[in-house]
C-alpha atoms as a PDB file:
ATOM      1  CA  UNK A   1      19.178 -21.667 130.179  1.00  0.00           C
ATOM      2  CA  UNK A   2      20.633 -21.812 126.694  1.00  0.00           C
ATOM      3  CA  UNK A   3      23.238 -24.514 126.091  1.00  0.00           C
ATOM      4  CA  UNK A   4      26.834 -23.383 125.956  1.00  0.00           C
ATOM      5  CA  UNK A   5      28.130 -22.626 122.489  1.00  0.00           C
ATOM      6  CA  UNK A   6      31.125 -24.126 120.769  1.00  0.00           C
ATOM      7  CA  UNK A   7      32.896 -22.528 117.872  1.00  0.00           C
ATOM      8  CA  UNK A   8      33.384 -24.977 115.011  1.00  0.00           C
ATOM      9  CA  UNK A   9      35.165 -22.482 112.746  1.00  0.00           C
ATOM     10  CA  UNK A  10      38.207 -20.333 113.153  1.00  0.00           C
ATOM     11  CA  UNK A  11      37.387 -16.773 114.087  1.00  0.00           C
ATOM     12  CA  UNK A  12      38.058 -14.064 111.549  1.00  0.00           C
ATOM     13  CA  UNK A  13      40.413 -11.221 112.078  1.00  0.00           C
ATOM     14  CA  UNK A  14      38.792  -8.067 113.384  1.00  0.00           C
ATOM     15  CA  UNK A  15      38.820  -6.644 109.856  1.00  0.00           C
ATOM     16  CA  UNK A  16      37.215  -9.767 108.380  1.00  0.00           C
ATOM     17  CA  UNK A  17      34.542  -9.901 111.064  1.00  0.00           C
ATOM     18  CA  UNK A  18      33.707  -6.249 110.580  1.00  0.00           C
ATOM     19  CA  UNK A  19      33.376  -6.759 106.846  1.00  0.00           C
ATOM     20  CA  UNK A  20      30.999  -9.666 107.380  1.00  0.00           C
ATOM     21  CA  UNK A  21      28.789  -7.842 109.857  1.00  0.00           C
ATOM     22  CA  UNK A  22      28.501  -4.720 107.746  1.00  0.00           C
ATOM     23  CA  UNK A  23      28.074  -6.511 104.415  1.00  0.00           C
ATOM     24  CA  UNK A  24      24.925  -4.829 103.183  1.00  0.00           C
ATOM     25  CA  UNK A  25      24.609  -5.669  99.489  1.00  0.00           C
ATOM     26  CA  UNK A  26      23.906  -2.002  98.742  1.00  0.00           C
ATOM     27  CA  UNK A  27      27.272  -1.010 100.191  1.00  0.00           C
ATOM     28  CA  UNK A  28      29.190  -3.997  98.801  1.00  0.00           C
ATOM     29  CA  UNK A  29      27.724  -3.659  95.347  1.00  0.00           C
ATOM     30  CA  UNK A  30      27.469   0.111  95.126  1.00  0.00           C
ATOM     31  CA  UNK A  31      23.726  -0.090  94.515  1.00  0.00           C
ATOM     32  CA  UNK A  32      20.928   2.200  95.555  1.00  0.00           C
ATOM     33  CA  UNK A  33      17.786   0.788  97.106  1.00  0.00           C
ATOM     34  CA  UNK A  34      15.911   1.425  93.862  1.00  0.00           C
ATOM     35  CA  UNK A  35      18.169  -0.866  91.838  1.00  0.00           C
ATOM     36  CA  UNK A  36      17.480  -4.554  91.241  1.00  0.00           C
ATOM     37  CA  UNK A  37      19.777  -7.053  92.939  1.00  0.00           C
ATOM     38  CA  UNK A  38      20.874  -9.509  90.253  1.00  0.00           C
ATOM     39  CA  UNK A  39      20.875 -13.169  91.309  1.00  0.00           C
ATOM     40  CA  UNK A  40      22.963 -15.885  89.670  1.00  0.00           C
ATOM     41  CA  UNK A  41      22.404 -19.634  90.038  1.00  0.00           C
ATOM     42  CA  UNK A  42      25.099 -22.299  90.079  1.00  0.00           C
ATOM     43  CA  UNK A  43      23.532 -25.683  89.368  1.00  0.00           C
ATOM     44  CA  UNK A  44      20.386 -26.499  87.398  1.00  0.00           C
ATOM     45  CA  UNK A  45      20.303 -30.132  88.544  1.00  0.00           C
ATOM     46  CA  UNK A  46      17.798 -29.589  91.364  1.00  0.00           C
ATOM     47  CA  UNK A  47      14.137 -28.614  91.444  1.00  0.00           C
ATOM     48  CA  UNK A  48      15.078 -25.773  93.781  1.00  0.00           C
ATOM     49  CA  UNK A  49      16.595 -23.805  90.914  1.00  0.00           C
ATOM     50  CA  UNK A  50      13.449 -23.334  88.790  1.00  0.00           C
ATOM     51  CA  UNK A  51      11.266 -23.131  91.920  1.00  0.00           C
ATOM     52  CA  UNK A  52      13.310 -20.303  93.431  1.00  0.00           C
ATOM     53  CA  UNK A  53      13.496 -18.549  90.048  1.00  0.00           C
ATOM     54  CA  UNK A  54       9.709 -18.630  89.689  1.00  0.00           C
ATOM     55  CA  UNK A  55       9.342 -16.908  93.049  1.00  0.00           C
ATOM     56  CA  UNK A  56      11.969 -14.222  92.423  1.00  0.00           C
ATOM     57  CA  UNK A  57      10.999 -13.587  88.778  1.00  0.00           C
ATOM     58  CA  UNK A  58       7.234 -13.660  89.246  1.00  0.00           C
ATOM     59  CA  UNK A  59       5.293 -10.939  87.448  1.00  0.00           C
ATOM     60  CA  UNK A  60       3.967  -9.770  90.812  1.00  0.00           C
ATOM     61  CA  UNK A  61       6.335 -11.172  93.450  1.00  0.00           C
ATOM     62  CA  UNK A  62       5.641 -11.014  97.168  1.00  0.00           C
ATOM     63  CA  UNK A  63       6.737  -7.641  98.592  1.00  0.00           C
ATOM     64  CA  UNK A  64       9.589  -9.381 100.408  1.00  0.00           C
ATOM     65  CA  UNK A  65      10.927 -10.647  97.068  1.00  0.00           C
ATOM     66  CA  UNK A  66      10.613  -7.462  95.063  1.00  0.00           C
ATOM     67  CA  UNK A  67      13.830  -5.790  93.968  1.00  0.00           C
ATOM     68  CA  UNK A  68      15.468  -9.106  93.015  1.00  0.00           C
ATOM     69  CA  UNK A  69      15.767 -10.962  89.734  1.00  0.00           C
ATOM     70  CA  UNK A  70      17.489 -14.173  88.701  1.00  0.00           C
ATOM     71  CA  UNK A  71      19.349 -13.073  85.576  1.00  0.00           C
ATOM     72  CA  UNK A  72      21.854 -15.836  84.799  1.00  0.00           C
ATOM     73  CA  UNK A  73      22.637 -19.476  85.557  1.00  0.00           C
ATOM     74  CA  UNK A  74      25.491 -21.942  85.118  1.00  0.00           C
ATOM     75  CA  UNK A  75      23.845 -25.376  84.693  1.00  0.00           C
ATOM     76  CA  UNK A  76      26.380 -27.703  86.362  1.00  0.00           C
ATOM     77  CA  UNK A  77      25.615 -29.225  88.617  1.00  0.00           C
ATOM     78  CA  UNK A  78      26.312 -32.868  89.025  1.00  0.00           C
ATOM     79  CA  UNK A  79      28.031 -34.664  86.192  1.00  0.00           C
ATOM     80  CA  UNK A  80      27.963 -38.153  87.739  1.00  0.00           C
ATOM     81  CA  UNK A  81      24.670 -38.503  89.669  1.00  0.00           C
ATOM     82  CA  UNK A  82      22.112 -39.565  87.087  1.00  0.00           C
ATOM     83  CA  UNK A  83      19.056 -38.478  89.081  1.00  0.00           C
ATOM     84  CA  UNK A  84      20.545 -34.973  89.104  1.00  0.00           C
ATOM     85  CA  UNK A  85      22.233 -34.446  85.731  1.00  0.00           C
ATOM     86  CA  UNK A  86      19.336 -35.858  83.716  1.00  0.00           C
ATOM     87  CA  UNK A  87      17.186 -32.972  84.986  1.00  0.00           C
ATOM     88  CA  UNK A  88      19.465 -30.276  83.607  1.00  0.00           C
ATOM     89  CA  UNK A  89      18.077 -29.943  80.045  1.00  0.00           C
ATOM     90  CA  UNK A  90      14.507 -29.489  81.262  1.00  0.00           C
ATOM     91  CA  UNK A  91      15.505 -27.059  84.001  1.00  0.00           C
ATOM     92  CA  UNK A  92      17.496 -25.020  81.484  1.00  0.00           C
ATOM     93  CA  UNK A  93      14.318 -24.640  79.434  1.00  0.00           C
ATOM     94  CA  UNK A  94      12.290 -23.694  82.504  1.00  0.00           C
ATOM     95  CA  UNK A  95      14.604 -20.920  83.668  1.00  0.00           C
ATOM     96  CA  UNK A  96      15.227 -19.609  80.140  1.00  0.00           C
ATOM     97  CA  UNK A  97      11.441 -19.167  79.845  1.00  0.00           C
ATOM     98  CA  UNK A  98      11.690 -16.948  82.927  1.00  0.00           C
ATOM     99  CA  UNK A  99      14.279 -14.674  81.281  1.00  0.00           C
ATOM    100  CA  UNK A 100      17.429 -16.297  82.679  1.00  0.00           C
ATOM    101  CA  UNK A 101      20.622 -16.293  80.577  1.00  0.00           C
ATOM    102  CA  UNK A 102      22.572 -19.579  80.482  1.00  0.00           C
ATOM    103  CA  UNK A 103      26.357 -19.192  80.702  1.00  0.00           C
ATOM    104  CA  UNK A 104      29.179 -21.687  80.204  1.00  0.00           C
ATOM    105  CA  UNK A 105      31.266 -21.063  83.327  1.00  0.00           C
ATOM    106  CA  UNK A 106      31.041 -19.878  86.914  1.00  0.00           C
ATOM    107  CA  UNK A 107      33.515 -17.126  86.063  1.00  0.00           C
ATOM    108  CA  UNK A 108      31.176 -15.793  83.351  1.00  0.00           C
ATOM    109  CA  UNK A 109      28.258 -15.993  85.757  1.00  0.00           C
ATOM    110  CA  UNK A 110      30.047 -13.996  88.450  1.00  0.00           C
ATOM    111  CA  UNK A 111      30.602 -11.123  86.013  1.00  0.00           C
ATOM    112  CA  UNK A 112      26.837 -10.730  85.526  1.00  0.00           C
ATOM    113  CA  UNK A 113      25.411 -10.943  89.049  1.00  0.00           C
ATOM    114  CA  UNK A 114      25.501  -9.444  92.522  1.00  0.00           C
ATOM    115  CA  UNK A 115      24.626 -12.461  94.687  1.00  0.00           C
ATOM    116  CA  UNK A 116      24.619 -16.230  94.235  1.00  0.00           C
ATOM    117  CA  UNK A 117      22.329 -19.206  94.838  1.00  0.00           C
ATOM    118  CA  UNK A 118      24.726 -22.164  94.930  1.00  0.00           C
ATOM    119  CA  UNK A 119      22.251 -24.937  94.140  1.00  0.00           C
ATOM    120  CA  UNK A 120      24.386 -27.786  92.775  1.00  0.00           C
ATOM    121  CA  UNK A 121      22.657 -30.908  94.075  1.00  0.00           C
ATOM    122  CA  UNK A 122      25.899 -32.858  94.377  1.00  0.00           C
ATOM    123  CA  UNK A 123      27.967 -31.936  97.403  1.00  0.00           C
ATOM    124  CA  UNK A 124      31.279 -33.111  95.931  1.00  0.00           C
ATOM    125  CA  UNK A 125      32.075 -30.046  93.747  1.00  0.00           C
ATOM    126  CA  UNK A 126      30.724 -27.563  96.277  1.00  0.00           C
ATOM    127  CA  UNK A 127      34.070 -26.543  97.813  1.00  0.00           C
ATOM    128  CA  UNK A 128      35.605 -25.720  94.432  1.00  0.00           C
ATOM    129  CA  UNK A 129      32.488 -23.813  93.373  1.00  0.00           C
ATOM    130  CA  UNK A 130      32.148 -21.944  96.666  1.00  0.00           C
ATOM    131  CA  UNK A 131      35.786 -20.836  96.520  1.00  0.00           C
ATOM    132  CA  UNK A 132      35.150 -19.063  93.221  1.00  0.00           C
ATOM    133  CA  UNK A 133      32.183 -17.233  94.742  1.00  0.00           C
ATOM    134  CA  UNK A 134      34.175 -16.287  97.832  1.00  0.00           C
ATOM    135  CA  UNK A 135      37.091 -15.017  95.739  1.00  0.00           C
ATOM    136  CA  UNK A 136      34.625 -12.840  93.808  1.00  0.00           C
ATOM    137  CA  UNK A 137      33.278 -11.445  97.119  1.00  0.00           C
ATOM    138  CA  UNK A 138      29.671 -12.338  96.288  1.00  0.00           C
ATOM    139  CA  UNK A 139      27.224 -13.034  99.161  1.00  0.00           C
ATOM    140  CA  UNK A 140      25.784 -16.515  98.661  1.00  0.00           C
ATOM    141  CA  UNK A 141      23.113 -18.924  99.783  1.00  0.00           C
ATOM    142  CA  UNK A 142      24.474 -22.472  99.612  1.00  0.00           C
ATOM    143  CA  UNK A 143      21.777 -25.112  99.507  1.00  0.00           C
ATOM    144  CA  UNK A 144      21.925 -28.420 101.323  1.00  0.00           C
ATOM    145  CA  UNK A 145      24.146 -30.317 101.531  1.00  0.00           C
ATOM    146  CA  UNK A 146      26.769 -27.606 101.939  1.00  0.00           C
ATOM    147  CA  UNK A 147      29.346 -30.192 100.828  1.00  0.00           C
ATOM    148  CA  UNK A 148      29.955 -33.936 100.756  1.00  0.00           C
ATOM    149  CA  UNK A 149      31.939 -33.999 104.015  1.00  0.00           C
ATOM    150  CA  UNK A 150      32.122 -32.198 107.315  1.00  0.00           C
ATOM    151  CA  UNK A 151      35.695 -31.157 106.491  1.00  0.00           C
ATOM    152  CA  UNK A 152      34.674 -29.438 103.239  1.00  0.00           C
ATOM    153  CA  UNK A 153      31.652 -27.851 104.915  1.00  0.00           C
ATOM    154  CA  UNK A 154      33.801 -26.353 107.649  1.00  0.00           C
ATOM    155  CA  UNK A 155      36.394 -25.173 105.109  1.00  0.00           C
ATOM    156  CA  UNK A 156      33.721 -23.335 103.101  1.00  0.00           C
ATOM    157  CA  UNK A 157      32.509 -21.532 106.204  1.00  0.00           C
ATOM    158  CA  UNK A 158      36.017 -20.724 107.397  1.00  0.00           C
ATOM    159  CA  UNK A 159      37.072 -19.291 104.045  1.00  0.00           C
ATOM    160  CA  UNK A 160      33.859 -17.287 103.645  1.00  0.00           C
ATOM    161  CA  UNK A 161      34.214 -15.843 107.129  1.00  0.00           C
ATOM    162  CA  UNK A 162      37.909 -15.036 106.674  1.00  0.00           C
ATOM    163  CA  UNK A 163      37.102 -13.214 103.419  1.00  0.00           C
ATOM    164  CA  UNK A 164      34.182 -11.340 104.992  1.00  0.00           C
ATOM    165  CA  UNK A 165      31.736 -12.906 102.503  1.00  0.00           C
ATOM    166  CA  UNK A 166      28.199 -13.490 103.868  1.00  0.00           C
ATOM    167  CA  UNK A 167      27.054 -17.127 103.669  1.00  0.00           C
ATOM    168  CA  UNK A 168      23.731 -18.768 104.577  1.00  0.00           C
ATOM    169  CA  UNK A 169      22.528 -22.359 104.322  1.00  0.00           C
ATOM    170  CA  UNK A 170      19.309 -24.027 105.457  1.00  0.00           C
ATOM    171  CA  UNK A 171      16.716 -26.599 104.519  1.00  0.00           C
ATOM    172  CA  UNK A 172      13.263 -25.249 103.730  1.00  0.00           C
ATOM    173  CA  UNK A 173      12.028 -27.538 106.512  1.00  0.00           C
ATOM    174  CA  UNK A 174      13.618 -25.196 109.072  1.00  0.00           C
ATOM    175  CA  UNK A 175      10.793 -22.788 108.306  1.00  0.00           C
ATOM    176  CA  UNK A 176       7.853 -24.971 109.260  1.00  0.00           C
ATOM    177  CA  UNK A 177       5.542 -22.531 111.063  1.00  0.00           C
ATOM    178  CA  UNK A 178       5.247 -24.639 114.186  1.00  0.00           C
ATOM    179  CA  UNK A 179       8.985 -25.288 114.382  1.00  0.00           C
ATOM    180  CA  UNK A 180       9.635 -21.551 114.191  1.00  0.00           C
ATOM    181  CA  UNK A 181       6.943 -20.881 116.804  1.00  0.00           C
ATOM    182  CA  UNK A 182       8.556 -23.341 119.201  1.00  0.00           C
ATOM    183  CA  UNK A 183      12.043 -21.896 118.650  1.00  0.00           C
ATOM    184  CA  UNK A 184      11.245 -18.191 118.655  1.00  0.00           C
ATOM    185  CA  UNK A 185       7.777 -17.632 120.152  1.00  0.00           C
ATOM    186  CA  UNK A 186       7.852 -19.841 123.275  1.00  0.00           C
ATOM    187  CA  UNK A 187       4.931 -21.816 121.833  1.00  0.00           C
ATOM    188  CA  UNK A 188       5.268 -24.764 124.228  1.00  0.00           C
ATOM    189  CA  UNK A 189       7.393 -23.181 126.941  1.00  0.00           C
ATOM    190  CA  UNK A 190      10.770 -24.736 127.604  1.00  0.00           C
ATOM    191  CA  UNK A 191      11.635 -27.346 124.982  1.00  0.00           C
ATOM    192  CA  UNK A 192      12.144 -30.686 126.711  1.00  0.00           C
ATOM    193  CA  UNK A 193      12.728 -32.857 123.664  1.00  0.00           C
ATOM    194  CA  UNK A 194      11.800 -33.478 120.034  1.00  0.00           C
ATOM    195  CA  UNK A 195      11.223 -36.359 117.609  1.00  0.00           C
ATOM    196  CA  UNK A 196      11.476 -35.651 113.861  1.00  0.00           C
ATOM    197  CA  UNK A 197      11.280 -37.659 110.649  1.00  0.00           C
ATOM    198  CA  UNK A 198      11.969 -37.289 106.942  1.00  0.00           C
ATOM    199  CA  UNK A 199      13.015 -39.370 103.941  1.00  0.00           C
ATOM    200  CA  UNK A 200      16.627 -40.539 104.142  1.00  0.00           C
ATOM    201  CA  UNK A 201      17.632 -41.747 100.694  1.00  0.00           C
ATOM    202  CA  UNK A 202      21.326 -42.510 100.288  1.00  0.00           C
ATOM    203  CA  UNK A 203      23.766 -41.310  97.636  1.00  0.00           C
ATOM    204  CA  UNK A 204      27.313 -42.727  97.273  1.00  0.00           C
ATOM    205  CA  UNK A 205      30.011 -40.158  97.894  1.00  0.00           C
ATOM    206  CA  UNK A 206      28.060 -38.463 100.707  1.00  0.00           C
ATOM    207  CA  UNK A 207      27.744 -39.317 104.400  1.00  0.00           C
ATOM    208  CA  UNK A 208      24.425 -41.142 104.715  1.00  0.00           C
ATOM    209  CA  UNK A 209      22.287 -38.381 106.204  1.00  0.00           C
ATOM    210  CA  UNK A 210      23.770 -35.517 104.167  1.00  0.00           C
ATOM    211  CA  UNK A 211      21.813 -36.411 101.034  1.00  0.00           C
ATOM    212  CA  UNK A 212      18.241 -36.321 102.334  1.00  0.00           C
ATOM    213  CA  UNK A 213      18.166 -37.021 106.039  1.00  0.00           C
ATOM    214  CA  UNK A 214      19.407 -33.485 106.572  1.00  0.00           C
ATOM    215  CA  UNK A 215      15.834 -32.233 106.221  1.00  0.00           C
ATOM    216  CA  UNK A 216      14.615 -34.027 109.325  1.00  0.00           C
ATOM    217  CA  UNK A 217      17.847 -33.326 111.185  1.00  0.00           C
ATOM    218  CA  UNK A 218      17.439 -29.610 110.511  1.00  0.00           C
ATOM    219  CA  UNK A 219      13.881 -29.690 111.879  1.00  0.00           C
ATOM    220  CA  UNK A 220      15.325 -31.312 115.007  1.00  0.00           C
ATOM    221  CA  UNK A 221      17.934 -28.581 115.475  1.00  0.00           C
ATOM    222  CA  UNK A 222      15.423 -25.831 114.718  1.00  0.00           C
ATOM    223  CA  UNK A 223      13.386 -26.995 117.702  1.00  0.00           C
ATOM    224  CA  UNK A 224      16.163 -28.101 120.062  1.00  0.00           C
ATOM    225  CA  UNK A 225      18.743 -25.435 119.234  1.00  0.00           C
ATOM    226  CA  UNK A 226      22.496 -26.124 119.276  1.00  0.00           C
ATOM    227  CA  UNK A 227      24.339 -27.881 122.079  1.00  0.00           C
ATOM    228  CA  UNK A 228      24.195 -31.563 121.089  1.00  0.00           C
ATOM    229  CA  UNK A 229      26.865 -33.525 122.939  1.00  0.00           C
ATOM    230  CA  UNK A 230      26.601 -37.115 121.685  1.00  0.00           C
ATOM    231  CA  UNK A 231      24.938 -39.219 118.992  1.00  0.00           C
ATOM    232  CA  UNK A 232      23.874 -42.863 118.801  1.00  0.00           C
ATOM    233  CA  UNK A 233      22.580 -44.378 115.540  1.00  0.00           C
ATOM    234  CA  UNK A 234      20.556 -47.478 114.797  1.00  0.00           C
ATOM    235  CA  UNK A 235      20.261 -48.491 111.143  1.00  0.00           C
ATOM    236  CA  UNK A 236      18.510 -51.034 108.912  1.00  0.00           C
ATOM    237  CA  UNK A 237      18.148 -51.220 105.150  1.00  0.00           C
ATOM    238  CA  UNK A 238      14.906 -49.230 105.286  1.00  0.00           C
ATOM    239  CA  UNK A 239      15.344 -46.765 108.120  1.00  0.00           C
ATOM    240  CA  UNK A 240      17.572 -44.863 110.493  1.00  0.00           C
ATOM    241  CA  UNK A 241      17.015 -43.847 114.085  1.00  0.00           C
ATOM    242  CA  UNK A 242      19.499 -41.340 115.487  1.00  0.00           C
ATOM    243  CA  UNK A 243      19.368 -40.281 119.124  1.00  0.00           C
ATOM    244  CA  UNK A 244      21.098 -37.098 120.191  1.00  0.00           C
ATOM    245  CA  UNK A 245      21.784 -36.108 123.783  1.00  0.00           C
ATOM    246  CA  UNK A 246      22.198 -32.396 124.463  1.00  0.00           C
ATOM    247  CA  UNK A 247      24.579 -30.975 127.041  1.00  0.00           C
ATOM    248  CA  UNK A 248      21.702 -30.043 129.352  1.00  0.00           C
ATOM    249  CA  UNK A 249      20.403 -33.632 129.382  1.00  0.00           C
ATOM    250  CA  UNK A 250      17.604 -33.240 126.823  1.00  0.00           C
ATOM    251  CA  UNK A 251      17.178 -35.869 124.118  1.00  0.00           C
ATOM    252  CA  UNK A 252      16.108 -35.515 120.502  1.00  0.00           C
ATOM    253  CA  UNK A 253      15.582 -38.178 117.871  1.00  0.00           C
ATOM    254  CA  UNK A 254      15.562 -38.317 114.090  1.00  0.00           C
ATOM    255  CA  UNK A 255      13.918 -41.126 112.118  1.00  0.00           C
ATOM    256  CA  UNK A 256      14.953 -41.401 108.465  1.00  0.00           C
ATOM    257  CA  UNK A 257      12.783 -43.508 106.140  1.00  0.00           C
ATOM    258  CA  UNK A 258      13.587 -45.276 102.875  1.00  0.00           C
ATOM    259  CA  UNK A 259      10.305 -47.189 102.706  1.00  0.00           C
ATOM    260  CA  UNK A 260       6.700 -46.076 102.897  1.00  0.00           C
ATOM    261  CA  UNK A 261       5.348 -42.636 102.076  1.00  0.00           C
ATOM    262  CA  UNK A 262       7.859 -39.795 101.985  1.00  0.00           C
ATOM    263  CA  UNK A 263       6.766 -37.162 104.486  1.00  0.00           C
ATOM    264  CA  UNK A 264       8.385 -34.660 106.828  1.00  0.00           C
ATOM    265  CA  UNK A 265       7.485 -33.591 110.347  1.00  0.00           C
ATOM    266  CA  UNK A 266       7.802 -34.353 114.005  1.00  0.00           C
ATOM    267  CA  UNK A 267       6.614 -33.599 117.524  1.00  0.00           C
ATOM    268  CA  UNK A 268       8.101 -31.097 119.959  1.00  0.00           C
ATOM    269  CA  UNK A 269       7.709 -31.695 123.699  1.00  0.00           C
ATOM    270  CA  UNK A 270       7.614 -28.736 126.053  1.00  0.00           C
ATOM    271  CA  UNK A 271       7.005 -27.680 129.629  1.00  0.00           C
ATOM    272  CA  UNK A 272       3.634 -26.226 128.631  1.00  0.00           C
ATOM    273  CA  UNK A 273       2.494 -28.851 126.137  1.00  0.00           C
ATOM    274  CA  UNK A 274       3.419 -30.811 123.034  1.00  0.00           C
ATOM    275  CA  UNK A 275       3.075 -29.739 119.421  1.00  0.00           C
ATOM    276  CA  UNK A 276       2.930 -31.612 116.129  1.00  0.00           C
ATOM    277  CA  UNK A 277       5.267 -29.752 113.796  1.00  0.00           C
ATOM    278  CA  UNK A 278       3.264 -30.240 110.627  1.00  0.00           C
ATOM    279  CA  UNK A 279       4.303 -31.193 107.101  1.00  0.00           C
ATOM    280  CA  UNK A 280       6.262 -29.572 104.318  1.00  0.00           C
ATOM    281  CA  UNK A 281       5.037 -26.021 103.596  1.00  0.00           C
ATOM    282  CA  UNK A 282       6.833 -25.209 100.343  1.00  0.00           C
ATOM    283  CA  UNK A 283       9.888 -23.159  99.388  1.00  0.00           C
ATOM    284  CA  UNK A 284       8.494 -19.655  99.813  1.00  0.00           C
ATOM    285  CA  UNK A 285       9.312 -19.193 103.542  1.00  0.00           C
ATOM    286  CA  UNK A 286      12.951 -20.112 102.846  1.00  0.00           C
ATOM    287  CA  UNK A 287      13.174 -17.891  99.770  1.00  0.00           C
ATOM    288  CA  UNK A 288      11.871 -14.948 101.798  1.00  0.00           C
ATOM    289  CA  UNK A 289      14.707 -15.571 104.280  1.00  0.00           C
ATOM    290  CA  UNK A 290      17.214 -15.753 101.430  1.00  0.00           C
ATOM    291  CA  UNK A 291      16.020 -12.368 100.161  1.00  0.00           C
ATOM    292  CA  UNK A 292      16.340 -10.915 103.655  1.00  0.00           C
ATOM    293  CA  UNK A 293      19.866 -12.329 103.875  1.00  0.00           C
ATOM    294  CA  UNK A 294      20.839 -10.760 100.540  1.00  0.00           C
ATOM    295  CA  UNK A 295      19.543  -7.397 101.771  1.00  0.00           C
ATOM    296  CA  UNK A 296      21.238  -7.453 105.170  1.00  0.00           C
ATOM    297  CA  UNK A 297      24.312  -9.616 104.664  1.00  0.00           C
ATOM    298  CA  UNK A 298      23.465 -11.443 107.914  1.00  0.00           C
ATOM    299  CA  UNK A 299      22.542 -15.124 107.967  1.00  0.00           C
ATOM    300  CA  UNK A 300      19.341 -15.916 109.894  1.00  0.00           C
ATOM    301  CA  UNK A 301      21.061 -19.094 111.151  1.00  0.00           C
ATOM    302  CA  UNK A 302      24.285 -18.881 113.134  1.00  0.00           C
ATOM    303  CA  UNK A 303      27.235 -20.479 111.350  1.00  0.00           C
ATOM    304  CA  UNK A 304      28.049 -22.669 114.359  1.00  0.00           C
ATOM    305  CA  UNK A 305      24.528 -24.094 114.421  1.00  0.00           C
ATOM    306  CA  UNK A 306      24.710 -25.035 110.753  1.00  0.00           C
ATOM    307  CA  UNK A 307      28.076 -26.703 111.287  1.00  0.00           C
ATOM    308  CA  UNK A 308      26.779 -28.563 114.343  1.00  0.00           C
ATOM    309  CA  UNK A 309      24.053 -30.080 112.143  1.00  0.00           C
ATOM    310  CA  UNK A 310      26.745 -31.482 109.852  1.00  0.00           C
ATOM    311  CA  UNK A 311      28.782 -32.676 112.822  1.00  0.00           C
ATOM    312  CA  UNK A 312      25.665 -34.482 114.122  1.00  0.00           C
ATOM    313  CA  UNK A 313      25.253 -36.282 110.789  1.00  0.00           C
ATOM    314  CA  UNK A 314      28.977 -37.126 110.560  1.00  0.00           C
ATOM    315  CA  UNK A 315      28.828 -38.496 114.124  1.00  0.00           C
ATOM    316  CA  UNK A 316      25.847 -40.628 113.098  1.00  0.00           C
ATOM    317  CA  UNK A 317      27.996 -42.244 110.395  1.00  0.00           C
ATOM    318  CA  UNK A 318      30.757 -42.850 112.926  1.00  0.00           C
ATOM    319  CA  UNK A 319      28.252 -44.459 115.303  1.00  0.00           C
ATOM    320  CA  UNK A 320      27.109 -46.776 112.498  1.00  0.00           C
ATOM    321  CA  UNK A 321      30.723 -47.758 111.767  1.00  0.00           C
ATOM    322  CA  UNK A 322      31.106 -48.589 115.473  1.00  0.00           C
ATOM    323  CA  UNK A 323      27.979 -50.754 115.617  1.00  0.00           C
ATOM    324  CA  UNK A 324      25.726 -48.178 117.262  1.00  0.00           C
ATOM    325  CA  UNK A 325      28.207 -46.935 119.867  1.00  0.00           C
ATOM    326  CA  UNK A 326      27.769 -43.459 121.328  1.00  0.00           C
ATOM    327  CA  UNK A 327      29.929 -40.870 119.578  1.00  0.00           C
ATOM    328  CA  UNK A 328      30.821 -37.519 121.116  1.00  0.00           C
ATOM    329  CA  UNK A 329      30.494 -34.629 118.662  1.00  0.00           C
ATOM    330  CA  UNK A 330      33.654 -33.008 119.963  1.00  0.00           C
ATOM    331  CA  UNK A 331      35.645 -36.134 119.041  1.00  0.00           C
ATOM    332  CA  UNK A 332      34.974 -35.764 115.315  1.00  0.00           C
ATOM    333  CA  UNK A 333      35.717 -32.051 115.297  1.00  0.00           C
ATOM    334  CA  UNK A 334      39.338 -32.411 116.360  1.00  0.00           C
END
C-alpha cells in the first residue's frame, strides 16, 4: 500500500489548477511544434549552468533535447559565497562560446526567453528571483536547493501553483538508473528500506543538509517515496547520520560525509532482494526530464514530495538542535 499523502502547500483555485495542468508551452507561448523553445538561465555561479547549456546547445543534441536552445543568461548568482561567485567570469565565457547572450537583469532575460532554468547556487535570493519568473508566467526548473529555508521553499511552490506556473525541482541523483528501477519498475518488489550516502558540505545561511546533503536525501526519497513521519539525526564534525521512519513503519537512513572520498549512492532493500543503487551518472538524465517538463508543463516529481524532502532536512536540523531527539515532520510544518 502507498503511504497516505499530506499536502504541504495550499491548493490552487480551480482556475489556477486548470491552468497548471494544461500548461503546455506551445499553448502558453503561442508556439508551433516546429519552433525552438528559448531557454534562459538565472545564475552562472554553478557548474550546472554550462553543463546544461552544452547539452541543450549541442550541434547534434539527443532527440529528447532537440527543439530547445539556451539563448540568454543573467549571471547572478551568489554575491557573497566565494566558492560560487568566483566561478562566474569563467562560466560567462563558457556559455558565451555556446551562443548565449549575457544580460544585466532578470527582467531583461525574461523578455528574451520562453522558459527558465533558475540555477543560482545560493538559496538565499531564490524567492525574490522565483517571484519575478512567476510574475512573468514562465515555466521554470529551479535547481537545488529550492531556497535557503523550508518557509521560502514552500512559498515559492505556493505562489507558482496559485499563478498556474509550472515548476519542477530535482537533484540529478534522483535519476540513478537503479533508483528509478526500484521506484517505477518493481525491481526489488516491495521496498522495505533504504540506506543512502552523499557529500554533506555545509554553507552558512542554509540549513545543514540543504547545501549538499540534499543529493543523498533525494536518492532516499526516490526509493522510499513520500510518507516520512519522523526524523532523528546524529552529527559529528565529519559526518551526519539521519534516520527517517515512514508512516508504514519502514526506515530509511542518510549518511552525509565531510571527510574521505566524495561519492554518491546507497542500497535499497526489498521483498525480492537488495540492490546497490550505483554512483553518479551525470546530468543528462535530469536534463532530459527538464526538457520533457518544458514540453508538457507537468513536473515529473509531485510538488508535495519535493516539499517533504525539504521538511525532512529541516526536521534533521531541529533534531540536531534538540540533541538527537526524534522530530515529527508535521510539527515543523505548522
